[in-house]
Every structure is written in C-alpha cells, then in structure tokens.
Amino acid sequence: MALTLVAAAFLLPVAWAVLTSLRPYEETARRGYVSVPDTLTLDNYRTALQDGQLLPFFLNTVVIVVPALVVTLALASMAAFVLSRFSFRLNLPLLLLFTAGNLLPPQVIITPLVSIFRDVPLPDVLSSSGALFDSYWGVGLVHVGFQVGFCVFVLSSYMRTLPVELTEAARVDGAGVWRQYASVVLPLCRAPLAALATLQFTWMYNDFFWALVLMVTGDKRPITSALDNLRAGFFTDNNLVAAGAVLIALPTVVVFVVLQKQLVGGLTVGATKG
C-alpha cells in the first residue's frame, strides 16, 4: 500500500502534465486547470514541434550525449579493469580519487572552467567558436569528467567479484592485458554496462546547467534548452509548454522501457553472491 501511494505521488504530476498538454488553452483559461476536460487534442504537440523547432535540438543532444556516453563507459571500464585486477601502491588512492570526484559540486568550478575552455583552441572544423567554449565538445567533455568517476566505482566493484582464475587462465594461454580486458572481463560486464548506459544517458540527456553555462549560441544548445522557444515575450501558454516537456521527456522514458530488464539486472547483479 505504501509503495502504491509513493508511486502515485510520483506519477500524479506526470499525468497532470500529459492531461494539460492535451487540453486547448482556451478551455483551461476559462475553466481552470483543475477541471474535467471537454476536449482532448494533439494540436499542442504539433505546435510544439513546429514553433519550438525541437528536432534540431534533439540532434544537438545526440551529438553531445552519444560520444560522451561511449567515451565515459570506455574510459571507466578500462580504469576499473586496472584498479580491480592489478595491485599497486596507488590502487586505493586512485579509486578514492575517482569516487571523491562525484562529491564535487559543479557550481564551484564554473568560473575557472569557463576561463580554461575559452583559452583551449579547437579547429574551425570541430568548433565554429574556435575554442572548447560554446562547442559540443566542451559540454561533452564536462559530462565525461563528472560521470566517469561514478562508472569507475560501480564497474570496479563488480569486476572484483569476478573470479581471478579467469584472467589467470587467459594469461597462461598467452593473452596480454588488452586481450584479458577486451575478451575475458568486458563481455562479463554487459549487465552493469547496460545499467550504467541507461543511467548515464538519462543524466546527460537531462542536463540543463552545463549547456546553459558553456554555450552562448542558442542554436547549439541541447533539447533541454528548447522549452524557452515555446514562451512568448509577455505570455506563456502552459498547455503548449507541457506538450513540449512531454515530448522532451519521451526519449528517456523509451530508453527506460526498452532497457528496463538490463537496468534491473545490472543494478541487482551480485546482490546474492556469497
């Protein structure tokens, strides 16, 4: 019963937003938002797609999130492999360093990070601004920097549960370090990698803060910044904004629905071990 109430508390605002997005503005202006609807229409969604120009912003998000996600998981899996399979003096301090990076508030490094990104040049082919600042690469790099520590912590914890005999047998057969990582350990990490990919995609996709700080060109910003296009100078159609918010949230819902089995499996893997 308690879980049902908690679920209802979380779903009620979503259901209300969906209902609002399906109602004409004239009706809610006349009768209020807390009322039984007379008309349900998809006109707000059509207007949001056309007037809000959401599709180009979706493409911007893909350009930022997909490379950042791939690089984050690749770097994290390699670092986790080293930290979990090799014993050396800086093993534990490095793991603590990766973990402590998740505790750093992003706001405290805004000023130095913007200054650094303005001074780091990029070819015109990669950035129209000629620098990391106001570029897709800059936002993606920040995502990698802030998310890789969490992924290293999760993956290294999981890799430590894998039998050492697997890599020892591979080493006896002549496999080098890279072969042990790519052919032995990595295929066994599909479940945690799928779970991390789902979580990281959601976190990177929903980012608004870094895109707002590191990008000044509005056409480059990701989809989370596109809702502002649906607001007029002195008037806001909340029904239209609700439709835009639902459209923007839809990809994350689809990812969770498609990968929910892998997500739950990755989060619970090893929970009953030993």
C-alpha atoms as a PDB file:
ATOM      1  CA  MET A   1       0.000   0.000   0.000  1.00  0.00           C
ATOM      2  CA  ALA A   2       2.805   2.390   0.906  1.00  0.00           C
ATOM      3  CA  LEU A   3       4.613   1.697  -2.375  1.00  0.00           C
ATOM      4  CA  THR A   4       1.379   2.327  -4.282  1.00  0.00           C
ATOM      5  CA  LEU A   5       0.975   5.716  -2.605  1.00  0.00           C
ATOM      6  CA  VAL A   6       4.601   6.639  -3.330  1.00  0.00           C
ATOM      7  CA  ALA A   7       4.216   5.590  -6.981  1.00  0.00           C
ATOM      8  CA  ALA A   8       1.001   7.596  -7.248  1.00  0.00           C
ATOM      9  CA  ALA A   9       2.702  10.653  -5.746  1.00  0.00           C
ATOM     10  CA  PHE A  10       5.424  10.468  -8.397  1.00  0.00           C
ATOM     11  CA  LEU A  11       3.082   9.721 -11.305  1.00  0.00           C
ATOM     12  CA  LEU A  12       0.438  12.337 -10.492  1.00  0.00           C
ATOM     13  CA  PRO A  13       2.468  15.362 -11.746  1.00  0.00           C
ATOM     14  CA  VAL A  14       3.363  13.449 -14.922  1.00  0.00           C
ATOM     15  CA  ALA A  15      -0.251  12.506 -15.564  1.00  0.00           C
ATOM     16  CA  TRP A  16      -1.338  16.083 -14.906  1.00  0.00           C
ATOM     17  CA  ALA A  17       1.266  17.415 -17.354  1.00  0.00           C
ATOM     18  CA  VAL A  18       0.092  14.956 -20.029  1.00  0.00           C
ATOM     19  CA  LEU A  19      -3.547  15.905 -19.436  1.00  0.00           C
ATOM     20  CA  THR A  20      -2.710  19.622 -19.582  1.00  0.00           C
ATOM     21  CA  SER A  21      -0.797  19.141 -22.831  1.00  0.00           C
ATOM     22  CA  LEU A  22      -3.890  17.565 -24.425  1.00  0.00           C
ATOM     23  CA  ARG A  23      -6.262  20.402 -23.471  1.00  0.00           C
ATOM     24  CA  PRO A  24      -6.739  23.598 -25.509  1.00  0.00           C
ATOM     25  CA  TYR A  25      -5.518  26.754 -23.809  1.00  0.00           C
ATOM     26  CA  GLU A  26      -8.876  28.456 -24.207  1.00  0.00           C
ATOM     27  CA  GLU A  27     -10.580  25.733 -22.184  1.00  0.00           C
ATOM     28  CA  THR A  28      -8.141  25.829 -19.264  1.00  0.00           C
ATOM     29  CA  ALA A  29      -8.177  29.638 -19.282  1.00  0.00           C
ATOM     30  CA  ARG A  30     -11.955  29.572 -18.963  1.00  0.00           C
ATOM     31  CA  ARG A  31     -12.422  26.652 -16.579  1.00  0.00           C
ATOM     32  CA  GLY A  32      -9.044  26.349 -14.867  1.00  0.00           C
ATOM     33  CA  TYR A  33      -6.536  23.521 -14.877  1.00  0.00           C
ATOM     34  CA  VAL A  34      -8.293  21.655 -12.052  1.00  0.00           C
ATOM     35  CA  SER A  35     -11.368  20.720 -14.047  1.00  0.00           C
ATOM     36  CA  VAL A  36     -12.783  17.901 -16.135  1.00  0.00           C
ATOM     37  CA  PRO A  37     -11.704  18.349 -19.773  1.00  0.00           C
ATOM     38  CA  ASP A  38     -14.263  18.684 -22.548  1.00  0.00           C
ATOM     39  CA  THR A  39     -11.804  18.445 -25.434  1.00  0.00           C
ATOM     40  CA  LEU A  40      -8.588  16.478 -25.869  1.00  0.00           C
ATOM     41  CA  THR A  41      -6.417  17.291 -28.865  1.00  0.00           C
ATOM     42  CA  LEU A  42      -2.882  16.840 -30.169  1.00  0.00           C
ATOM     43  CA  ASP A  43      -2.679  20.393 -31.501  1.00  0.00           C
ATOM     44  CA  ASN A  44      -0.277  21.463 -28.754  1.00  0.00           C
ATOM     45  CA  TYR A  45       2.156  18.726 -29.781  1.00  0.00           C
ATOM     46  CA  ARG A  46       2.024  19.784 -33.426  1.00  0.00           C
ATOM     47  CA  THR A  47       2.601  23.412 -32.456  1.00  0.00           C
ATOM     48  CA  ALA A  48       5.477  22.473 -30.139  1.00  0.00           C
ATOM     49  CA  LEU A  49       7.241  20.531 -32.889  1.00  0.00           C
ATOM     50  CA  GLN A  50       6.739  23.289 -35.461  1.00  0.00           C
ATOM     51  CA  ASP A  51       7.123  26.519 -33.482  1.00  0.00           C
ATOM     52  CA  GLY A  52       9.592  25.168 -30.954  1.00  0.00           C
ATOM     53  CA  GLN A  53      11.800  23.639 -33.689  1.00  0.00           C
ATOM     54  CA  LEU A  54      12.515  20.708 -31.407  1.00  0.00           C
ATOM     55  CA  LEU A  55      14.024  18.367 -33.991  1.00  0.00           C
ATOM     56  CA  PRO A  56      17.289  20.361 -34.463  1.00  0.00           C
ATOM     57  CA  PHE A  57      17.683  20.498 -30.684  1.00  0.00           C
ATOM     58  CA  PHE A  58      17.178  16.737 -30.483  1.00  0.00           C
ATOM     59  CA  LEU A  59      20.026  16.385 -32.990  1.00  0.00           C
ATOM     60  CA  ASN A  60      22.220  18.651 -30.858  1.00  0.00           C
ATOM     61  CA  THR A  61      21.546  16.400 -27.884  1.00  0.00           C
ATOM     62  CA  VAL A  62      22.507  13.296 -29.859  1.00  0.00           C
ATOM     63  CA  VAL A  63      25.774  14.941 -30.953  1.00  0.00           C
ATOM     64  CA  ILE A  64      26.612  15.726 -27.323  1.00  0.00           C
ATOM     65  CA  VAL A  65      25.300  12.691 -25.456  1.00  0.00           C
ATOM     66  CA  VAL A  66      26.229   9.719 -27.665  1.00  0.00           C
ATOM     67  CA  PRO A  67      30.003  10.410 -27.921  1.00  0.00           C
ATOM     68  CA  ALA A  68      30.144  11.423 -24.250  1.00  0.00           C
ATOM     69  CA  LEU A  69      28.360   8.224 -23.220  1.00  0.00           C
ATOM     70  CA  VAL A  70      30.644   5.984 -25.295  1.00  0.00           C
ATOM     71  CA  VAL A  71      33.821   7.692 -24.070  1.00  0.00           C
ATOM     72  CA  THR A  72      32.643   7.630 -20.446  1.00  0.00           C
ATOM     73  CA  LEU A  73      31.912   3.896 -20.456  1.00  0.00           C
ATOM     74  CA  ALA A  74      35.097   3.081 -22.381  1.00  0.00           C
ATOM     75  CA  LEU A  75      37.391   5.043 -20.059  1.00  0.00           C
ATOM     76  CA  ALA A  76      35.570   3.846 -16.944  1.00  0.00           C
ATOM     77  CA  SER A  77      35.722   0.181 -17.936  1.00  0.00           C
ATOM     78  CA  MET A  78      39.457   0.388 -18.673  1.00  0.00           C
ATOM     79  CA  ALA A  79      40.215   2.218 -15.431  1.00  0.00           C
ATOM     80  CA  ALA A  80      38.030  -0.200 -13.453  1.00  0.00           C
ATOM     81  CA  PHE A  81      39.843  -3.169 -15.016  1.00  0.00           C
ATOM     82  CA  VAL A  82      43.217  -1.838 -13.914  1.00  0.00           C
ATOM     83  CA  LEU A  83      42.039  -0.959 -10.406  1.00  0.00           C
ATOM     84  CA  SER A  84      40.316  -4.309  -9.876  1.00  0.00           C
ATOM     85  CA  ARG A  85      42.851  -6.665 -11.473  1.00  0.00           C
ATOM     86  CA  PHE A  86      46.234  -5.172 -10.548  1.00  0.00           C
ATOM     87  CA  SER A  87      47.716  -4.474  -7.132  1.00  0.00           C
ATOM     88  CA  PHE A  88      49.957  -1.409  -6.819  1.00  0.00           C
ATOM     89  CA  ARG A  89      50.625   1.293  -4.276  1.00  0.00           C
ATOM     90  CA  LEU A  90      48.234   3.911  -5.700  1.00  0.00           C
ATOM     91  CA  ASN A  91      45.367   1.490  -6.310  1.00  0.00           C
ATOM     92  CA  LEU A  92      43.175   2.549  -3.386  1.00  0.00           C
ATOM     93  CA  PRO A  93      44.038   6.298  -3.581  1.00  0.00           C
ATOM     94  CA  LEU A  94      43.096   6.326  -7.273  1.00  0.00           C
ATOM     95  CA  LEU A  95      39.780   4.627  -6.554  1.00  0.00           C
ATOM     96  CA  LEU A  96      39.100   7.138  -3.775  1.00  0.00           C
ATOM     97  CA  LEU A  97      40.003   9.969  -6.159  1.00  0.00           C
ATOM     98  CA  PHE A  98      37.505   8.733  -8.751  1.00  0.00           C
ATOM     99  CA  THR A  99      34.853   8.345  -6.066  1.00  0.00           C
ATOM    100  CA  ALA A 100      35.551  11.758  -4.497  1.00  0.00           C
ATOM    101  CA  GLY A 101      35.038  13.409  -7.881  1.00  0.00           C
ATOM    102  CA  ASN A 102      31.322  12.666  -7.572  1.00  0.00           C
ATOM    103  CA  LEU A 103      31.179  14.779  -4.405  1.00  0.00           C
ATOM    104  CA  LEU A 104      32.438  17.952  -6.099  1.00  0.00           C
ATOM    105  CA  PRO A 105      29.607  20.466  -6.642  1.00  0.00           C
ATOM    106  CA  PRO A 106      29.659  21.567 -10.300  1.00  0.00           C
ATOM    107  CA  GLN A 107      28.913  25.167  -9.358  1.00  0.00           C
ATOM    108  CA  VAL A 108      32.259  25.697  -7.611  1.00  0.00           C
ATOM    109  CA  ILE A 109      34.272  25.295 -10.824  1.00  0.00           C
ATOM    110  CA  ILE A 110      32.168  27.382 -13.205  1.00  0.00           C
ATOM    111  CA  THR A 111      34.476  30.411 -13.341  1.00  0.00           C
ATOM    112  CA  PRO A 112      37.824  28.600 -13.816  1.00  0.00           C
ATOM    113  CA  LEU A 113      36.276  26.083 -16.213  1.00  0.00           C
ATOM    114  CA  VAL A 114      34.809  28.793 -18.459  1.00  0.00           C
ATOM    115  CA  SER A 115      38.171  30.611 -18.484  1.00  0.00           C
ATOM    116  CA  ILE A 116      40.026  27.422 -19.403  1.00  0.00           C
ATOM    117  CA  PHE A 117      37.554  26.477 -22.119  1.00  0.00           C
ATOM    118  CA  ARG A 118      37.847  29.947 -23.670  1.00  0.00           C
ATOM    119  CA  ASP A 119      41.633  29.526 -23.910  1.00  0.00           C
ATOM    120  CA  VAL A 120      41.668  25.968 -25.328  1.00  0.00           C
ATOM    121  CA  PRO A 121      41.664  26.272 -29.136  1.00  0.00           C
ATOM    122  CA  LEU A 122      39.859  23.928 -31.498  1.00  0.00           C
ATOM    123  CA  PRO A 123      39.984  23.795 -35.303  1.00  0.00           C
ATOM    124  CA  ASP A 124      37.106  25.504 -37.081  1.00  0.00           C
ATOM    125  CA  VAL A 125      36.050  22.079 -38.372  1.00  0.00           C
ATOM    126  CA  LEU A 126      35.319  20.976 -34.794  1.00  0.00           C
ATOM    127  CA  SER A 127      34.044  24.248 -33.352  1.00  0.00           C
ATOM    128  CA  SER A 128      32.698  27.364 -35.036  1.00  0.00           C
ATOM    129  CA  SER A 129      33.803  29.369 -31.996  1.00  0.00           C
ATOM    130  CA  GLY A 130      37.421  28.234 -32.390  1.00  0.00           C
ATOM    131  CA  ALA A 131      37.563  27.062 -28.759  1.00  0.00           C
ATOM    132  CA  LEU A 132      36.124  24.479 -26.379  1.00  0.00           C
ATOM    133  CA  PHE A 133      33.767  27.154 -25.061  1.00  0.00           C
ATOM    134  CA  ASP A 134      30.484  27.313 -26.963  1.00  0.00           C
ATOM    135  CA  SER A 135      31.062  23.916 -28.579  1.00  0.00           C
ATOM    136  CA  TYR A 136      29.553  20.447 -28.406  1.00  0.00           C
ATOM    137  CA  TRP A 137      32.940  19.052 -27.414  1.00  0.00           C
ATOM    138  CA  GLY A 138      33.162  21.248 -24.329  1.00  0.00           C
ATOM    139  CA  VAL A 139      29.795  20.143 -22.935  1.00  0.00           C
ATOM    140  CA  GLY A 140      30.535  16.501 -23.754  1.00  0.00           C
ATOM    141  CA  LEU A 141      33.940  16.729 -22.075  1.00  0.00           C
ATOM    142  CA  VAL A 142      32.354  18.038 -18.877  1.00  0.00           C
ATOM    143  CA  HIS A 143      29.885  15.148 -18.887  1.00  0.00           C
ATOM    144  CA  VAL A 144      32.734  12.667 -19.248  1.00  0.00           C
ATOM    145  CA  GLY A 145      34.714  14.298 -16.463  1.00  0.00           C
ATOM    146  CA  PHE A 146      31.856  14.320 -13.984  1.00  0.00           C
ATOM    147  CA  GLN A 147      30.372  10.907 -14.781  1.00  0.00           C
ATOM    148  CA  VAL A 148      33.424   8.716 -15.275  1.00  0.00           C
ATOM    149  CA  GLY A 149      34.167   8.546 -11.531  1.00  0.00           C
ATOM    150  CA  PHE A 150      30.794   7.019 -10.683  1.00  0.00           C
ATOM    151  CA  CYS A 151      31.127   4.493 -13.501  1.00  0.00           C
ATOM    152  CA  VAL A 152      34.635   3.507 -12.372  1.00  0.00           C
ATOM    153  CA  PHE A 153      33.368   2.927  -8.845  1.00  0.00           C
ATOM    154  CA  VAL A 154      30.459   0.727  -9.991  1.00  0.00           C
ATOM    155  CA  LEU A 155      32.443  -1.256 -12.569  1.00  0.00           C
ATOM    156  CA  SER A 156      35.484  -1.818 -10.350  1.00  0.00           C
ATOM    157  CA  SER A 157      33.210  -3.087  -7.555  1.00  0.00           C
ATOM    158  CA  TYR A 158      31.613  -5.541  -9.978  1.00  0.00           C
ATOM    159  CA  MET A 159      34.897  -6.651 -11.568  1.00  0.00           C
ATOM    160  CA  ARG A 160      36.276  -7.520  -8.137  1.00  0.00           C
ATOM    161  CA  THR A 161      33.535 -10.146  -7.841  1.00  0.00           C
ATOM    162  CA  LEU A 162      34.721 -11.933 -10.992  1.00  0.00           C
ATOM    163  CA  PRO A 163      36.992 -14.957 -10.365  1.00  0.00           C
ATOM    164  CA  VAL A 164      40.660 -14.075 -10.715  1.00  0.00           C
ATOM    165  CA  GLU A 165      41.201 -17.515 -12.258  1.00  0.00           C
ATOM    166  CA  LEU A 166      39.571 -16.277 -15.474  1.00  0.00           C
ATOM    167  CA  THR A 167      42.282 -13.738 -16.236  1.00  0.00           C
ATOM    168  CA  GLU A 168      44.998 -16.038 -14.876  1.00  0.00           C
ATOM    169  CA  ALA A 169      43.918 -18.757 -17.309  1.00  0.00           C
ATOM    170  CA  ALA A 170      43.905 -16.255 -20.148  1.00  0.00           C
ATOM    171  CA  ARG A 171      47.381 -15.084 -19.144  1.00  0.00           C
ATOM    172  CA  VAL A 172      48.638 -18.686 -19.182  1.00  0.00           C
ATOM    173  CA  ASP A 173      47.228 -19.059 -22.692  1.00  0.00           C
ATOM    174  CA  GLY A 174      49.321 -16.074 -23.766  1.00  0.00           C
ATOM    175  CA  ALA A 175      46.711 -13.329 -23.619  1.00  0.00           C
ATOM    176  CA  GLY A 176      48.077  -9.855 -22.986  1.00  0.00           C
ATOM    177  CA  VAL A 177      46.495  -7.229 -20.750  1.00  0.00           C
ATOM    178  CA  TRP A 178      44.366  -5.777 -23.538  1.00  0.00           C
ATOM    179  CA  ARG A 179      43.132  -9.242 -24.581  1.00  0.00           C
ATOM    180  CA  GLN A 180      42.234 -10.077 -20.974  1.00  0.00           C
ATOM    181  CA  TYR A 181      40.248  -6.854 -20.742  1.00  0.00           C
ATOM    182  CA  ALA A 182      38.506  -6.997 -24.116  1.00  0.00           C
ATOM    183  CA  SER A 183      37.887 -10.729 -24.490  1.00  0.00           C
ATOM    184  CA  VAL A 184      37.515 -12.016 -20.928  1.00  0.00           C
ATOM    185  CA  VAL A 185      36.390  -9.330 -18.469  1.00  0.00           C
ATOM    186  CA  LEU A 186      34.431  -6.884 -20.642  1.00  0.00           C
ATOM    187  CA  PRO A 187      31.943  -9.466 -22.042  1.00  0.00           C
ATOM    188  CA  LEU A 188      31.100 -10.432 -18.451  1.00  0.00           C
ATOM    189  CA  CYS A 189      30.237  -6.806 -17.642  1.00  0.00           C
ATOM    190  CA  ARG A 190      27.341  -6.460 -20.051  1.00  0.00           C
ATOM    191  CA  ALA A 191      24.746  -6.192 -17.266  1.00  0.00           C
ATOM    192  CA  PRO A 192      26.412  -3.359 -15.292  1.00  0.00           C
ATOM    193  CA  LEU A 193      27.392  -1.605 -18.534  1.00  0.00           C
ATOM    194  CA  ALA A 194      23.764  -1.689 -19.718  1.00  0.00           C
ATOM    195  CA  ALA A 195      22.586  -0.307 -16.374  1.00  0.00           C
ATOM    196  CA  LEU A 196      25.199   2.438 -16.418  1.00  0.00           C
ATOM    197  CA  ALA A 197      24.429   3.290 -20.045  1.00  0.00           C
ATOM    198  CA  THR A 198      20.762   3.758 -19.141  1.00  0.00           C
ATOM    199  CA  LEU A 199      21.525   5.951 -16.122  1.00  0.00           C
ATOM    200  CA  GLN A 200      24.235   7.966 -17.845  1.00  0.00           C
ATOM    201  CA  PHE A 201      22.089   8.593 -20.911  1.00  0.00           C
ATOM    202  CA  THR A 202      19.317   9.906 -18.674  1.00  0.00           C
ATOM    203  CA  TRP A 203      21.630  12.162 -16.658  1.00  0.00           C
ATOM    204  CA  MET A 204      23.425  13.570 -19.698  1.00  0.00           C
ATOM    205  CA  TYR A 205      20.224  13.983 -21.685  1.00  0.00           C
ATOM    206  CA  ASN A 206      18.516  15.865 -18.857  1.00  0.00           C
ATOM    207  CA  ASP A 207      21.429  18.243 -18.286  1.00  0.00           C
ATOM    208  CA  PHE A 208      20.482  21.893 -18.461  1.00  0.00           C
ATOM    209  CA  PHE A 209      23.125  23.526 -16.270  1.00  0.00           C
ATOM    210  CA  TRP A 210      26.284  22.931 -18.333  1.00  0.00           C
ATOM    211  CA  ALA A 211      24.638  23.647 -21.673  1.00  0.00           C
ATOM    212  CA  LEU A 212      23.423  26.971 -20.280  1.00  0.00           C
ATOM    213  CA  VAL A 213      26.844  27.888 -18.851  1.00  0.00           C
ATOM    214  CA  LEU A 214      29.150  26.677 -21.612  1.00  0.00           C
ATOM    215  CA  MET A 215      27.065  27.578 -24.667  1.00  0.00           C
ATOM    216  CA  VAL A 216      26.096  31.073 -25.774  1.00  0.00           C
ATOM    217  CA  THR A 217      24.846  30.164 -29.243  1.00  0.00           C
ATOM    218  CA  GLY A 218      21.207  29.194 -28.831  1.00  0.00           C
ATOM    219  CA  ASP A 219      21.099  27.002 -31.948  1.00  0.00           C
ATOM    220  CA  LYS A 220      23.803  24.734 -30.478  1.00  0.00           C
ATOM    221  CA  ARG A 221      22.098  24.025 -27.185  1.00  0.00           C
ATOM    222  CA  PRO A 222      20.530  20.624 -26.407  1.00  0.00           C
ATOM    223  CA  ILE A 223      16.853  19.781 -26.205  1.00  0.00           C
ATOM    224  CA  THR A 224      16.506  20.754 -22.533  1.00  0.00           C
ATOM    225  CA  SER A 225      17.014  24.380 -23.582  1.00  0.00           C
ATOM    226  CA  ALA A 226      14.339  24.257 -26.277  1.00  0.00           C
ATOM    227  CA  LEU A 227      11.391  24.836 -23.954  1.00  0.00           C
ATOM    228  CA  ASP A 228      12.305  28.508 -23.836  1.00  0.00           C
ATOM    229  CA  ASN A 229      11.383  28.737 -27.533  1.00  0.00           C
ATOM    230  CA  LEU A 230       7.766  27.995 -26.598  1.00  0.00           C
ATOM    231  CA  ARG A 231       7.464  31.081 -24.417  1.00  0.00           C
ATOM    232  CA  ALA A 232       6.401  34.428 -25.807  1.00  0.00           C
ATOM    233  CA  GLY A 233       7.756  37.710 -24.538  1.00  0.00           C
ATOM    234  CA  PHE A 234       4.818  38.597 -22.276  1.00  0.00           C
ATOM    235  CA  PHE A 235       2.691  35.450 -22.426  1.00  0.00           C
ATOM    236  CA  THR A 236       3.217  31.747 -21.711  1.00  0.00           C
ATOM    237  CA  ASP A 237       0.878  29.044 -22.952  1.00  0.00           C
ATOM    238  CA  ASN A 238       1.329  26.462 -20.197  1.00  0.00           C
ATOM    239  CA  ASN A 239      -0.519  23.832 -22.223  1.00  0.00           C
ATOM    240  CA  LEU A 240       1.974  24.255 -25.049  1.00  0.00           C
ATOM    241  CA  VAL A 241       4.926  24.167 -22.641  1.00  0.00           C
ATOM    242  CA  ALA A 242       3.512  20.982 -21.091  1.00  0.00           C
ATOM    243  CA  ALA A 243       3.336  19.384 -24.544  1.00  0.00           C
ATOM    244  CA  GLY A 244       6.946  20.364 -25.200  1.00  0.00           C
ATOM    245  CA  ALA A 245       8.022  18.969 -21.833  1.00  0.00           C
ATOM    246  CA  VAL A 246       6.314  15.651 -22.565  1.00  0.00           C
ATOM    247  CA  LEU A 247       7.996  15.424 -25.972  1.00  0.00           C
ATOM    248  CA  ILE A 248      11.378  16.203 -24.443  1.00  0.00           C
ATOM    249  CA  ALA A 249      10.945  13.604 -21.695  1.00  0.00           C
ATOM    250  CA  LEU A 250       9.766  10.913 -24.127  1.00  0.00           C
ATOM    251  CA  PRO A 251      13.222   9.602 -25.221  1.00  0.00           C
ATOM    252  CA  THR A 252      14.283   8.891 -21.628  1.00  0.00           C
ATOM    253  CA  VAL A 253      11.018   7.043 -20.998  1.00  0.00           C
ATOM    254  CA  VAL A 254      11.563   4.964 -24.142  1.00  0.00           C
ATOM    255  CA  VAL A 255      15.133   4.125 -23.070  1.00  0.00           C
ATOM    256  CA  PHE A 256      13.959   3.001 -19.634  1.00  0.00           C
ATOM    257  CA  VAL A 257      11.146   0.881 -21.095  1.00  0.00           C
ATOM    258  CA  VAL A 258      13.401  -0.778 -23.670  1.00  0.00           C
ATOM    259  CA  LEU A 259      16.313  -1.380 -21.277  1.00  0.00           C
ATOM    260  CA  GLN A 260      14.416  -1.940 -18.028  1.00  0.00           C
ATOM    261  CA  LYS A 261      15.346  -5.637 -17.906  1.00  0.00           C
ATOM    262  CA  GLN A 262      19.046  -4.855 -18.365  1.00  0.00           C
ATOM    263  CA  LEU A 263      18.802  -1.966 -15.888  1.00  0.00           C
ATOM    264  CA  VAL A 264      17.274  -4.075 -13.120  1.00  0.00           C
ATOM    265  CA  GLY A 265      19.660  -6.928 -13.875  1.00  0.00           C
ATOM    266  CA  GLY A 266      22.658  -4.606 -13.761  1.00  0.00           C
ATOM    267  CA  LEU A 267      21.592  -2.980 -10.505  1.00  0.00           C
ATOM    268  CA  THR A 268      20.954  -6.321  -8.765  1.00  0.00           C
ATOM    269  CA  VAL A 269      23.834  -8.325 -10.226  1.00  0.00           C
ATOM    270  CA  GLY A 270      25.994  -9.778  -7.498  1.00  0.00           C
ATOM    271  CA  ALA A 271      23.424  -8.927  -4.832  1.00  0.00           C
ATOM    272  CA  THR A 272      23.036 -12.587  -3.843  1.00  0.00           C
ATOM    273  CA  LYS A 273      26.682 -13.527  -4.272  1.00  0.00           C
ATOM    274  CA  GLY A 274      28.219 -15.410  -1.370  1.00  0.00           C
END
